[in-house]
Amino acid sequence: MLGQWLDWSLEGQLPAASQGVFASGTYSLHAPGILELTPNCASQNAHACIFSAAIHGNETAPVELVGEWLSGIEAGSITLGAPVLVILGNLPALKIQQRFVTTNLNRLFNRELRDEGEEPDRARELMNAVDRFYARHAELPKLHYDLHTAIRGSRYPRFVVEPYANTPTDSEQWGWLAAADMQAVLNQHQHSWTFSHYSKHYHGAQAFTFELGRVAPFGQNDMASLKPMGELLTSLSQGTSPANQPAAQMQFFQVQHELIRQSDDFQLCFDEDMANFNRFEPGTLLAQDGKAGDFRVGDTPLHVVFPNAKVEVGARAALLVAPVNQDV
């Protein structure tokens, strides 16, 4: 039953039976792409977990990773010990394996959202699903792992974005992420209205955006490199303590500047396929914009992350970051 969930979701419909049982719990299909698993017996160390994928429709590795984990749940090789809300975000985009249909869903998770359209409507549906799930499990610590892959290659193929919010990150999280073979952490410097930011900002959850390699079609992802990440999802869903490694093995970065596309006459002044975390020396011209003018690196070298000149006017075209020493 759980193995068919992706097919049901892509078809945009629920099966005749929207609830069911498996060896260690029950499931409820709340809406296409929104599945809740409830354990028969919650572990003493359980979190209220949200695992989300396909917020961008061309990012298939996280969908395959979640599918493997669900298969283990259904087969009984994984014993559910924590409530888990599983989300596939942008179903029309996933069906055609495009990043989005009309606009970037991962910039819309704001309770003040007034935009209309398919992706804004989906953002509101997902925000409501998160609100209801955390309300049902208010006695448990909250956690949200939003799983992505990056458009381009990276000097750190597997890295984590820590959303900006008042809620501090628990020190144990860094050890878990290091053991999951995350190679770098990017600390956001301001509100960004991504899905993981929503859970951290509005609910005080431990929340992160994961970049798990590079975008590839279904069946062409390097799933072996994601085995440690799958083990982390399994531990959390079982309500057991995840593996732990020294956080110092990860490189931490802090955002120093956002490049915003201010006009149609905008361009990035480096190769289109530049890898994430590529370093630029002081004085390097990075962008030209008909409205904002030129942007050059200042006195300190900067590394570029998520460069994309083709974003909408007013959207972020790149993050510029610098390495930091973080007390972990």
C-alpha atoms as a PDB file:
ATOM      1  CA  MET A   1       0.000   0.000   0.000  1.00  0.00           C
ATOM      2  CA  LEU A   2       2.680   2.515   1.011  1.00  0.00           C
ATOM      3  CA  GLY A   3       4.724   1.523  -2.024  1.00  0.00           C
ATOM      4  CA  GLN A   4       1.921   2.777  -4.272  1.00  0.00           C
ATOM      5  CA  TRP A   5       1.744   6.166  -2.573  1.00  0.00           C
ATOM      6  CA  LEU A   6       3.917   7.928  -5.151  1.00  0.00           C
ATOM      7  CA  ASP A   7       1.725   6.682  -8.000  1.00  0.00           C
ATOM      8  CA  TRP A   8      -1.424   7.840  -6.209  1.00  0.00           C
ATOM      9  CA  SER A   9       0.153  11.216  -5.544  1.00  0.00           C
ATOM     10  CA  LEU A  10       1.199  11.774  -9.149  1.00  0.00           C
ATOM     11  CA  GLU A  11      -2.268  10.828 -10.313  1.00  0.00           C
ATOM     12  CA  GLY A  12      -3.607  13.580  -8.051  1.00  0.00           C
ATOM     13  CA  GLN A  13      -6.143  11.390  -6.323  1.00  0.00           C
ATOM     14  CA  LEU A  14      -6.582   9.370  -3.169  1.00  0.00           C
ATOM     15  CA  PRO A  15      -7.381   5.633  -3.250  1.00  0.00           C
ATOM     16  CA  ALA A  16     -10.745   4.387  -2.035  1.00  0.00           C
ATOM     17  CA  ALA A  17      -9.237   3.627   1.377  1.00  0.00           C
ATOM     18  CA  SER A  18      -7.353   6.652   2.726  1.00  0.00           C
ATOM     19  CA  GLN A  19      -6.316   4.899   5.943  1.00  0.00           C
ATOM     20  CA  GLY A  20      -4.674   1.604   6.697  1.00  0.00           C
ATOM     21  CA  VAL A  21      -2.378  -0.405   8.924  1.00  0.00           C
ATOM     22  CA  PHE A  22       1.102  -1.897   8.721  1.00  0.00           C
ATOM     23  CA  ALA A  23       3.105  -3.960  11.184  1.00  0.00           C
ATOM     24  CA  SER A  24       4.174  -1.142  13.512  1.00  0.00           C
ATOM     25  CA  GLY A  25       1.514   1.518  12.996  1.00  0.00           C
ATOM     26  CA  THR A  26      -1.182   3.125  10.892  1.00  0.00           C
ATOM     27  CA  TYR A  27      -1.179   5.500   7.947  1.00  0.00           C
ATOM     28  CA  SER A  28      -3.494   8.278   6.777  1.00  0.00           C
ATOM     29  CA  LEU A  29      -3.510   9.838   3.312  1.00  0.00           C
ATOM     30  CA  HIS A  30      -4.587  13.408   4.041  1.00  0.00           C
ATOM     31  CA  ALA A  31      -4.259  14.685   0.457  1.00  0.00           C
ATOM     32  CA  PRO A  32      -2.216  13.858  -2.637  1.00  0.00           C
ATOM     33  CA  GLY A  33       1.420  13.900  -1.568  1.00  0.00           C
ATOM     34  CA  ILE A  34       0.636  14.203   2.167  1.00  0.00           C
ATOM     35  CA  LEU A  35       0.985  10.980   4.174  1.00  0.00           C
ATOM     36  CA  GLU A  36       0.993  10.625   7.960  1.00  0.00           C
ATOM     37  CA  LEU A  37       2.403   7.590   9.770  1.00  0.00           C
ATOM     38  CA  THR A  38       1.469   6.976  13.411  1.00  0.00           C
ATOM     39  CA  PRO A  39       3.282   4.329  15.502  1.00  0.00           C
ATOM     40  CA  ASN A  40       1.474   1.722  17.549  1.00  0.00           C
ATOM     41  CA  CYS A  41       3.868   2.589  20.365  1.00  0.00           C
ATOM     42  CA  ALA A  42       5.899   5.783  20.363  1.00  0.00           C
ATOM     43  CA  SER A  43       9.480   5.603  21.618  1.00  0.00           C
ATOM     44  CA  GLN A  44      10.527   7.604  24.654  1.00  0.00           C
ATOM     45  CA  ASN A  45      12.963   9.528  22.393  1.00  0.00           C
ATOM     46  CA  ALA A  46      10.462  10.183  19.607  1.00  0.00           C
ATOM     47  CA  HIS A  47      10.261  13.468  17.709  1.00  0.00           C
ATOM     48  CA  ALA A  48       7.315  14.705  15.661  1.00  0.00           C
ATOM     49  CA  CYS A  49       9.123  14.263  12.329  1.00  0.00           C
ATOM     50  CA  ILE A  50       8.423  15.825   8.951  1.00  0.00           C
ATOM     51  CA  PHE A  51      10.310  14.446   5.949  1.00  0.00           C
ATOM     52  CA  SER A  52       9.609  16.392   2.762  1.00  0.00           C
ATOM     53  CA  ALA A  53      10.846  16.008  -0.798  1.00  0.00           C
ATOM     54  CA  ALA A  54      10.013  17.225  -4.323  1.00  0.00           C
ATOM     55  CA  ILE A  55       9.418  20.828  -3.296  1.00  0.00           C
ATOM     56  CA  HIS A  56      11.201  21.189  -6.645  1.00  0.00           C
ATOM     57  CA  GLY A  57       9.893  18.678  -9.165  1.00  0.00           C
ATOM     58  CA  ASN A  58      13.192  17.801 -10.849  1.00  0.00           C
ATOM     59  CA  GLU A  59      14.901  16.730  -7.603  1.00  0.00           C
ATOM     60  CA  THR A  60      14.331  12.985  -7.684  1.00  0.00           C
ATOM     61  CA  ALA A  61      17.003  11.501  -5.381  1.00  0.00           C
ATOM     62  CA  PRO A  62      15.137  12.531  -2.201  1.00  0.00           C
ATOM     63  CA  VAL A  63      11.949  10.952  -3.590  1.00  0.00           C
ATOM     64  CA  GLU A  64      13.811   7.692  -4.178  1.00  0.00           C
ATOM     65  CA  LEU A  65      15.361   7.918  -0.694  1.00  0.00           C
ATOM     66  CA  VAL A  66      11.965   8.412   0.953  1.00  0.00           C
ATOM     67  CA  GLY A  67      10.585   5.578  -1.194  1.00  0.00           C
ATOM     68  CA  GLU A  68      13.287   3.182   0.045  1.00  0.00           C
ATOM     69  CA  TRP A  69      12.557   4.183   3.647  1.00  0.00           C
ATOM     70  CA  LEU A  70       8.799   3.687   3.170  1.00  0.00           C
ATOM     71  CA  SER A  71       9.438   0.262   1.663  1.00  0.00           C
ATOM     72  CA  GLY A  72      11.302  -0.666   4.846  1.00  0.00           C
ATOM     73  CA  ILE A  73       8.385   0.557   6.958  1.00  0.00           C
ATOM     74  CA  GLU A  74       5.893  -1.478   4.938  1.00  0.00           C
ATOM     75  CA  ALA A  75       8.090  -4.599   4.883  1.00  0.00           C
ATOM     76  CA  GLY A  76       8.554  -4.442   8.655  1.00  0.00           C
ATOM     77  CA  SER A  77      12.352  -4.121   8.509  1.00  0.00           C
ATOM     78  CA  ILE A  78      11.914  -0.652  10.057  1.00  0.00           C
ATOM     79  CA  THR A  79       9.740  -0.421  13.187  1.00  0.00           C
ATOM     80  CA  LEU A  80       7.979   2.912  13.412  1.00  0.00           C
ATOM     81  CA  GLY A  81       8.524   4.548  16.801  1.00  0.00           C
ATOM     82  CA  ALA A  82       7.699   8.182  16.045  1.00  0.00           C
ATOM     83  CA  PRO A  83       4.928  10.030  14.198  1.00  0.00           C
ATOM     84  CA  VAL A  84       6.074  11.079  10.734  1.00  0.00           C
ATOM     85  CA  LEU A  85       4.456  13.391   8.196  1.00  0.00           C
ATOM     86  CA  VAL A  86       5.775  12.582   4.714  1.00  0.00           C
ATOM     87  CA  ILE A  87       5.323  15.232   2.026  1.00  0.00           C
ATOM     88  CA  LEU A  88       5.880  15.319  -1.724  1.00  0.00           C
ATOM     89  CA  GLY A  89       5.623  19.013  -2.450  1.00  0.00           C
ATOM     90  CA  ASN A  90       5.171  20.080  -6.068  1.00  0.00           C
ATOM     91  CA  LEU A  91       3.333  17.164  -7.679  1.00  0.00           C
ATOM     92  CA  PRO A  92       2.621  18.719 -11.126  1.00  0.00           C
ATOM     93  CA  ALA A  93       6.298  19.675 -11.422  1.00  0.00           C
ATOM     94  CA  LEU A  94       7.393  16.218 -10.251  1.00  0.00           C
ATOM     95  CA  LYS A  95       5.175  14.598 -12.843  1.00  0.00           C
ATOM     96  CA  ILE A  96       6.986  16.451 -15.642  1.00  0.00           C
ATOM     97  CA  GLN A  97      10.313  16.543 -13.725  1.00  0.00           C
ATOM     98  CA  GLN A  98      10.673  20.307 -13.913  1.00  0.00           C
ATOM     99  CA  ARG A  99      11.815  22.569 -11.075  1.00  0.00           C
ATOM    100  CA  PHE A 100       8.418  24.296 -10.936  1.00  0.00           C
ATOM    101  CA  VAL A 101       5.433  24.976 -13.155  1.00  0.00           C
ATOM    102  CA  THR A 102       4.758  28.695 -12.654  1.00  0.00           C
ATOM    103  CA  THR A 103       6.836  29.918  -9.715  1.00  0.00           C
ATOM    104  CA  ASN A 104       9.351  28.592  -7.163  1.00  0.00           C
ATOM    105  CA  LEU A 105       7.341  26.848  -4.445  1.00  0.00           C
ATOM    106  CA  ASN A 106      10.259  27.077  -2.015  1.00  0.00           C
ATOM    107  CA  ARG A 107       9.915  30.857  -1.662  1.00  0.00           C
ATOM    108  CA  LEU A 108       6.214  30.863  -0.713  1.00  0.00           C
ATOM    109  CA  PHE A 109       6.043  29.461   2.840  1.00  0.00           C
ATOM    110  CA  ASN A 110       4.906  32.644   4.533  1.00  0.00           C
ATOM    111  CA  ARG A 111       1.614  33.012   6.408  1.00  0.00           C
ATOM    112  CA  GLU A 112       1.231  36.453   4.837  1.00  0.00           C
ATOM    113  CA  LEU A 113       1.210  34.930   1.334  1.00  0.00           C
ATOM    114  CA  ARG A 114      -1.438  36.584  -0.847  1.00  0.00           C
ATOM    115  CA  ASP A 115      -0.425  35.274  -4.278  1.00  0.00           C
ATOM    116  CA  GLU A 116      -2.893  33.191  -6.271  1.00  0.00           C
ATOM    117  CA  GLY A 117      -2.191  30.184  -8.457  1.00  0.00           C
ATOM    118  CA  GLU A 118      -1.355  26.502  -8.316  1.00  0.00           C
ATOM    119  CA  GLU A 119       1.927  26.773  -6.417  1.00  0.00           C
ATOM    120  CA  PRO A 120       0.737  29.412  -3.911  1.00  0.00           C
ATOM    121  CA  ASP A 121      -2.325  27.242  -3.252  1.00  0.00           C
ATOM    122  CA  ARG A 122      -0.078  24.234  -2.688  1.00  0.00           C
ATOM    123  CA  ALA A 123       2.108  26.250  -0.298  1.00  0.00           C
ATOM    124  CA  ARG A 124      -0.969  27.098   1.778  1.00  0.00           C
ATOM    125  CA  GLU A 125      -2.057  23.439   1.785  1.00  0.00           C
ATOM    126  CA  LEU A 126       1.374  22.318   2.975  1.00  0.00           C
ATOM    127  CA  MET A 127       1.583  25.011   5.657  1.00  0.00           C
ATOM    128  CA  ASN A 128      -1.819  23.910   6.974  1.00  0.00           C
ATOM    129  CA  ALA A 129      -0.684  20.268   6.977  1.00  0.00           C
ATOM    130  CA  VAL A 130       2.414  21.175   9.012  1.00  0.00           C
ATOM    131  CA  ASP A 131       0.331  23.230  11.468  1.00  0.00           C
ATOM    132  CA  ARG A 132      -2.141  20.398  12.038  1.00  0.00           C
ATOM    133  CA  PHE A 133       0.563  17.748  12.404  1.00  0.00           C
ATOM    134  CA  TYR A 134       2.530  19.677  15.011  1.00  0.00           C
ATOM    135  CA  ALA A 135      -0.700  20.512  16.867  1.00  0.00           C
ATOM    136  CA  ARG A 136      -1.571  16.799  17.048  1.00  0.00           C
ATOM    137  CA  HIS A 137       1.838  16.053  18.566  1.00  0.00           C
ATOM    138  CA  ALA A 138       2.387  19.175  20.649  1.00  0.00           C
ATOM    139  CA  GLU A 139       3.988  17.155  23.466  1.00  0.00           C
ATOM    140  CA  LEU A 140       6.900  16.018  21.265  1.00  0.00           C
ATOM    141  CA  PRO A 141       9.980  17.919  20.079  1.00  0.00           C
ATOM    142  CA  LYS A 142       9.496  19.044  16.491  1.00  0.00           C
ATOM    143  CA  LEU A 143      11.777  18.217  13.573  1.00  0.00           C
ATOM    144  CA  HIS A 144      11.628  18.913   9.821  1.00  0.00           C
ATOM    145  CA  TYR A 145      14.131  17.654   7.234  1.00  0.00           C
ATOM    146  CA  ASP A 146      13.410  19.083   3.774  1.00  0.00           C
ATOM    147  CA  LEU A 147      15.317  17.016   1.196  1.00  0.00           C
ATOM    148  CA  HIS A 148      16.613  18.511  -2.062  1.00  0.00           C
ATOM    149  CA  THR A 149      19.303  18.126  -4.709  1.00  0.00           C
ATOM    150  CA  ALA A 150      21.174  21.057  -6.250  1.00  0.00           C
ATOM    151  CA  ILE A 151      20.942  22.291  -9.848  1.00  0.00           C
ATOM    152  CA  ARG A 152      24.730  22.206 -10.265  1.00  0.00           C
ATOM    153  CA  GLY A 153      27.770  20.412  -8.953  1.00  0.00           C
ATOM    154  CA  SER A 154      29.379  21.405  -5.675  1.00  0.00           C
ATOM    155  CA  ARG A 155      32.725  21.345  -3.927  1.00  0.00           C
ATOM    156  CA  TYR A 156      30.659  19.913  -1.072  1.00  0.00           C
ATOM    157  CA  PRO A 157      28.145  17.604  -2.822  1.00  0.00           C
ATOM    158  CA  ARG A 158      26.119  17.030   0.351  1.00  0.00           C
ATOM    159  CA  PHE A 159      25.450  20.090   2.466  1.00  0.00           C
ATOM    160  CA  VAL A 160      22.836  21.540   4.786  1.00  0.00           C
ATOM    161  CA  VAL A 161      21.193  24.972   4.923  1.00  0.00           C
ATOM    162  CA  GLU A 162      20.317  26.113   8.452  1.00  0.00           C
ATOM    163  CA  PRO A 163      17.338  28.508   8.222  1.00  0.00           C
ATOM    164  CA  TYR A 164      17.436  31.841  10.014  1.00  0.00           C
ATOM    165  CA  ALA A 165      15.127  31.956  13.054  1.00  0.00           C
ATOM    166  CA  ASN A 166      15.137  32.695  16.771  1.00  0.00           C
ATOM    167  CA  THR A 167      15.137  28.982  17.590  1.00  0.00           C
ATOM    168  CA  PRO A 168      18.729  27.785  18.166  1.00  0.00           C
ATOM    169  CA  THR A 169      19.917  24.545  16.620  1.00  0.00           C
ATOM    170  CA  ASP A 170      20.414  21.778  19.198  1.00  0.00           C
ATOM    171  CA  SER A 171      24.059  20.771  19.395  1.00  0.00           C
ATOM    172  CA  GLU A 172      23.135  17.100  18.917  1.00  0.00           C
ATOM    173  CA  GLN A 173      21.860  17.894  15.430  1.00  0.00           C
ATOM    174  CA  TRP A 174      25.363  18.753  14.208  1.00  0.00           C
ATOM    175  CA  GLY A 175      26.656  15.351  15.290  1.00  0.00           C
ATOM    176  CA  TRP A 176      23.769  13.614  13.561  1.00  0.00           C
ATOM    177  CA  LEU A 177      24.334  15.545  10.343  1.00  0.00           C
ATOM    178  CA  ALA A 178      28.055  14.805  10.382  1.00  0.00           C
ATOM    179  CA  ALA A 179      27.308  11.083  10.780  1.00  0.00           C
ATOM    180  CA  ALA A 180      24.872  11.343   7.856  1.00  0.00           C
ATOM    181  CA  ASP A 181      27.906  12.370   5.754  1.00  0.00           C
ATOM    182  CA  MET A 182      26.946  15.999   5.343  1.00  0.00           C
ATOM    183  CA  GLN A 183      30.086  17.860   4.307  1.00  0.00           C
ATOM    184  CA  ALA A 184      29.175  21.501   4.890  1.00  0.00           C
ATOM    185  CA  VAL A 185      26.638  23.710   6.681  1.00  0.00           C
ATOM    186  CA  LEU A 186      25.382  27.045   5.389  1.00  0.00           C
ATOM    187  CA  ASN A 187      23.966  29.386   8.053  1.00  0.00           C
ATOM    188  CA  GLN A 188      21.286  31.687   6.649  1.00  0.00           C
ATOM    189  CA  HIS A 189      21.467  35.356   7.638  1.00  0.00           C
ATOM    190  CA  GLN A 190      17.814  36.406   7.248  1.00  0.00           C
ATOM    191  CA  HIS A 191      14.292  35.050   6.757  1.00  0.00           C
ATOM    192  CA  SER A 192      14.029  33.197   3.454  1.00  0.00           C
ATOM    193  CA  TRP A 193      10.482  31.681   3.470  1.00  0.00           C
ATOM    194  CA  THR A 194      11.587  28.205   2.476  1.00  0.00           C
ATOM    195  CA  PHE A 195       9.720  25.134   3.695  1.00  0.00           C
ATOM    196  CA  SER A 196      12.246  24.269   6.415  1.00  0.00           C
ATOM    197  CA  HIS A 197      12.288  27.931   7.494  1.00  0.00           C
ATOM    198  CA  TYR A 198       8.499  27.759   7.936  1.00  0.00           C
ATOM    199  CA  SER A 199       8.766  24.958  10.520  1.00  0.00           C
ATOM    200  CA  LYS A 200      11.640  26.603  12.358  1.00  0.00           C
ATOM    201  CA  HIS A 201      10.266  30.162  12.305  1.00  0.00           C
ATOM    202  CA  TYR A 202       6.612  29.472  13.113  1.00  0.00           C
ATOM    203  CA  HIS A 203       6.906  26.256  15.166  1.00  0.00           C
ATOM    204  CA  GLY A 204      10.370  26.317  16.730  1.00  0.00           C
ATOM    205  CA  ALA A 205      11.275  23.034  15.050  1.00  0.00           C
ATOM    206  CA  GLN A 206      14.762  21.723  14.454  1.00  0.00           C
ATOM    207  CA  ALA A 207      14.680  22.201  10.696  1.00  0.00           C
ATOM    208  CA  PHE A 208      17.101  22.110   7.772  1.00  0.00           C
ATOM    209  CA  THR A 209      17.194  22.104   3.993  1.00  0.00           C
ATOM    210  CA  PHE A 210      19.386  19.252   2.753  1.00  0.00           C
ATOM    211  CA  GLU A 211      21.190  19.337  -0.606  1.00  0.00           C
ATOM    212  CA  LEU A 212      21.893  15.686  -1.413  1.00  0.00           C
ATOM    213  CA  GLY A 213      24.004  15.802  -4.539  1.00  0.00           C
ATOM    214  CA  ARG A 214      23.037  17.015  -7.996  1.00  0.00           C
ATOM    215  CA  VAL A 215      19.742  16.919  -9.897  1.00  0.00           C
ATOM    216  CA  ALA A 216      19.263  13.769 -12.007  1.00  0.00           C
ATOM    217  CA  PRO A 217      16.304  11.877 -13.501  1.00  0.00           C
ATOM    218  CA  PHE A 218      14.713   8.951 -11.677  1.00  0.00           C
ATOM    219  CA  GLY A 219      16.970   5.904 -11.772  1.00  0.00           C
ATOM    220  CA  GLN A 220      20.155   7.900 -12.397  1.00  0.00           C
ATOM    221  CA  ASN A 221      20.866   9.066  -8.830  1.00  0.00           C
ATOM    222  CA  ASP A 222      23.865   7.968  -6.755  1.00  0.00           C
ATOM    223  CA  MET A 223      21.832   6.387  -3.978  1.00  0.00           C
ATOM    224  CA  ALA A 224      24.868   4.661  -2.414  1.00  0.00           C
ATOM    225  CA  SER A 225      26.233   8.053  -1.302  1.00  0.00           C
ATOM    226  CA  LEU A 226      22.929   8.736   0.487  1.00  0.00           C
ATOM    227  CA  LYS A 227      22.941   5.570   2.593  1.00  0.00           C
ATOM    228  CA  PRO A 228      24.078   7.452   5.759  1.00  0.00           C
ATOM    229  CA  MET A 229      21.234   9.943   5.231  1.00  0.00           C
ATOM    230  CA  GLY A 230      18.796   7.053   4.899  1.00  0.00           C
ATOM    231  CA  GLU A 231      20.112   5.647   8.171  1.00  0.00           C
ATOM    232  CA  LEU A 232      19.433   8.991   9.871  1.00  0.00           C
ATOM    233  CA  LEU A 233      15.829   9.031   8.608  1.00  0.00           C
ATOM    234  CA  THR A 234      15.426   5.446   9.802  1.00  0.00           C
ATOM    235  CA  SER A 235      16.748   6.195  13.291  1.00  0.00           C
ATOM    236  CA  LEU A 236      14.499   9.222  13.692  1.00  0.00           C
ATOM    237  CA  SER A 237      11.428   7.327  12.473  1.00  0.00           C
ATOM    238  CA  GLN A 238      12.219   4.520  14.904  1.00  0.00           C
ATOM    239  CA  GLY A 239      12.611   6.992  17.744  1.00  0.00           C
ATOM    240  CA  THR A 240      16.124   5.743  18.462  1.00  0.00           C
ATOM    241  CA  SER A 241      19.295   7.790  18.923  1.00  0.00           C
ATOM    242  CA  PRO A 242      20.986   8.437  15.557  1.00  0.00           C
ATOM    243  CA  ALA A 243      24.659   7.839  14.896  1.00  0.00           C
ATOM    244  CA  ASN A 244      26.955  10.678  15.959  1.00  0.00           C
ATOM    245  CA  GLN A 245      30.208  12.026  14.536  1.00  0.00           C
ATOM    246  CA  PRO A 246      32.311  15.095  15.416  1.00  0.00           C
ATOM    247  CA  ALA A 247      30.674  18.177  13.927  1.00  0.00           C
ATOM    248  CA  ALA A 248      34.096  19.672  13.241  1.00  0.00           C
ATOM    249  CA  GLN A 249      34.441  17.415  10.202  1.00  0.00           C
ATOM    250  CA  MET A 250      31.895  19.655   8.450  1.00  0.00           C
ATOM    251  CA  GLN A 251      32.852  23.076   7.042  1.00  0.00           C
ATOM    252  CA  PHE A 252      30.566  25.874   8.244  1.00  0.00           C
ATOM    253  CA  PHE A 253      29.740  28.926   6.110  1.00  0.00           C
ATOM    254  CA  GLN A 254      27.843  32.149   6.823  1.00  0.00           C
ATOM    255  CA  VAL A 255      25.912  34.120   4.206  1.00  0.00           C
ATOM    256  CA  GLN A 256      27.537  37.525   3.626  1.00  0.00           C
ATOM    257  CA  HIS A 257      25.443  38.848   0.731  1.00  0.00           C
ATOM    258  CA  GLU A 258      22.501  37.968  -1.494  1.00  0.00           C
ATOM    259  CA  LEU A 259      22.634  38.826  -5.178  1.00  0.00           C
ATOM    260  CA  ILE A 260      19.117  39.860  -6.192  1.00  0.00           C
ATOM    261  CA  ARG A 261      18.074  40.180  -9.812  1.00  0.00           C
ATOM    262  CA  GLN A 262      16.761  43.752  -9.967  1.00  0.00           C
ATOM    263  CA  SER A 263      16.058  44.028 -13.707  1.00  0.00           C
ATOM    264  CA  ASP A 264      15.693  42.096 -16.948  1.00  0.00           C
ATOM    265  CA  ASP A 265      19.196  43.340 -17.805  1.00  0.00           C
ATOM    266  CA  PHE A 266      20.975  41.082 -15.303  1.00  0.00           C
ATOM    267  CA  GLN A 267      23.845  38.658 -15.743  1.00  0.00           C
ATOM    268  CA  LEU A 268      26.275  36.675 -13.646  1.00  0.00           C
ATOM    269  CA  CYS A 269      29.869  37.238 -14.714  1.00  0.00           C
ATOM    270  CA  PHE A 270      31.101  33.677 -14.414  1.00  0.00           C
ATOM    271  CA  ASP A 271      30.505  30.357 -16.101  1.00  0.00           C
ATOM    272  CA  GLU A 272      26.909  29.104 -16.086  1.00  0.00           C
ATOM    273  CA  ASP A 273      27.985  25.735 -14.661  1.00  0.00           C
ATOM    274  CA  MET A 274      30.104  27.126 -11.837  1.00  0.00           C
ATOM    275  CA  ALA A 275      30.079  24.704  -8.900  1.00  0.00           C
ATOM    276  CA  ASN A 276      28.565  25.649  -5.565  1.00  0.00           C
ATOM    277  CA  PHE A 277      31.144  26.964  -3.056  1.00  0.00           C
ATOM    278  CA  ASN A 278      33.548  28.087  -5.780  1.00  0.00           C
ATOM    279  CA  ARG A 279      35.823  30.789  -4.327  1.00  0.00           C
ATOM    280  CA  PHE A 280      36.243  34.285  -5.783  1.00  0.00           C
ATOM    281  CA  GLU A 281      39.083  36.611  -4.828  1.00  0.00           C
ATOM    282  CA  PRO A 282      38.739  40.305  -3.809  1.00  0.00           C
ATOM    283  CA  GLY A 283      37.918  42.592  -6.710  1.00  0.00           C
ATOM    284  CA  THR A 284      36.292  39.914  -8.883  1.00  0.00           C
ATOM    285  CA  LEU A 285      33.265  41.131 -10.868  1.00  0.00           C
ATOM    286  CA  LEU A 286      30.412  38.722 -10.074  1.00  0.00           C
ATOM    287  CA  ALA A 287      27.269  40.349 -11.470  1.00  0.00           C
ATOM    288  CA  GLN A 288      25.982  43.187 -13.619  1.00  0.00           C
ATOM    289  CA  ASP A 289      22.468  44.577 -13.385  1.00  0.00           C
ATOM    290  CA  GLY A 290      20.857  47.391 -15.350  1.00  0.00           C
ATOM    291  CA  LYS A 291      19.259  48.725 -12.171  1.00  0.00           C
ATOM    292  CA  ALA A 292      21.560  47.686  -9.312  1.00  0.00           C
ATOM    293  CA  GLY A 293      24.836  48.110 -11.204  1.00  0.00           C
ATOM    294  CA  ASP A 294      27.975  45.994 -10.831  1.00  0.00           C
ATOM    295  CA  PHE A 295      28.775  43.770  -7.871  1.00  0.00           C
ATOM    296  CA  ARG A 296      32.417  43.010  -7.036  1.00  0.00           C
ATOM    297  CA  VAL A 297      33.920  40.989  -4.224  1.00  0.00           C
ATOM    298  CA  GLY A 298      35.148  43.247  -1.413  1.00  0.00           C
ATOM    299  CA  ASP A 299      38.218  42.817   0.750  1.00  0.00           C
ATOM    300  CA  THR A 300      37.430  39.231   1.793  1.00  0.00           C
ATOM    301  CA  PRO A 301      37.160  36.244  -0.582  1.00  0.00           C
ATOM    302  CA  LEU A 302      33.635  34.929  -1.086  1.00  0.00           C
ATOM    303  CA  HIS A 303      32.192  31.582  -2.181  1.00  0.00           C
ATOM    304  CA  VAL A 304      29.116  31.383  -4.415  1.00  0.00           C
ATOM    305  CA  VAL A 305      26.155  29.100  -3.659  1.00  0.00           C
ATOM    306  CA  PHE A 306      22.964  28.536  -5.690  1.00  0.00           C
ATOM    307  CA  PRO A 307      23.893  30.788  -8.636  1.00  0.00           C
ATOM    308  CA  ASN A 308      21.034  31.066 -11.133  1.00  0.00           C
ATOM    309  CA  ALA A 309      20.767  34.103 -13.420  1.00  0.00           C
ATOM    310  CA  LYS A 310      17.428  32.910 -14.822  1.00  0.00           C
ATOM    311  CA  VAL A 311      15.373  33.627 -11.698  1.00  0.00           C
ATOM    312  CA  GLU A 312      12.448  36.029 -11.776  1.00  0.00           C
ATOM    313  CA  VAL A 313      13.104  39.755 -11.290  1.00  0.00           C
ATOM    314  CA  GLY A 314      13.175  40.400  -7.550  1.00  0.00           C
ATOM    315  CA  ALA A 315      14.354  36.873  -6.758  1.00  0.00           C
ATOM    316  CA  ARG A 316      17.698  35.699  -5.424  1.00  0.00           C
ATOM    317  CA  ALA A 317      20.274  34.938  -8.118  1.00  0.00           C
ATOM    318  CA  ALA A 318      23.046  33.727  -5.786  1.00  0.00           C
ATOM    319  CA  LEU A 319      24.231  33.560  -2.202  1.00  0.00           C
ATOM    320  CA  LEU A 320      27.736  34.775  -1.382  1.00  0.00           C
ATOM    321  CA  VAL A 321      29.192  33.092   1.678  1.00  0.00           C
ATOM    322  CA  ALA A 322      32.383  32.917   3.734  1.00  0.00           C
ATOM    323  CA  PRO A 323      33.768  30.133   5.952  1.00  0.00           C
ATOM    324  CA  VAL A 324      33.345  30.603   9.701  1.00  0.00           C
ATOM    325  CA  ASN A 325      34.496  28.839  12.843  1.00  0.00           C
ATOM    326  CA  GLN A 326      31.373  27.667  14.624  1.00  0.00           C
ATOM    327  CA  ASP A 327      31.247  26.599  18.250  1.00  0.00           C
ATOM    328  CA  VAL A 328      29.632  23.170  18.020  1.00  0.00           C
END
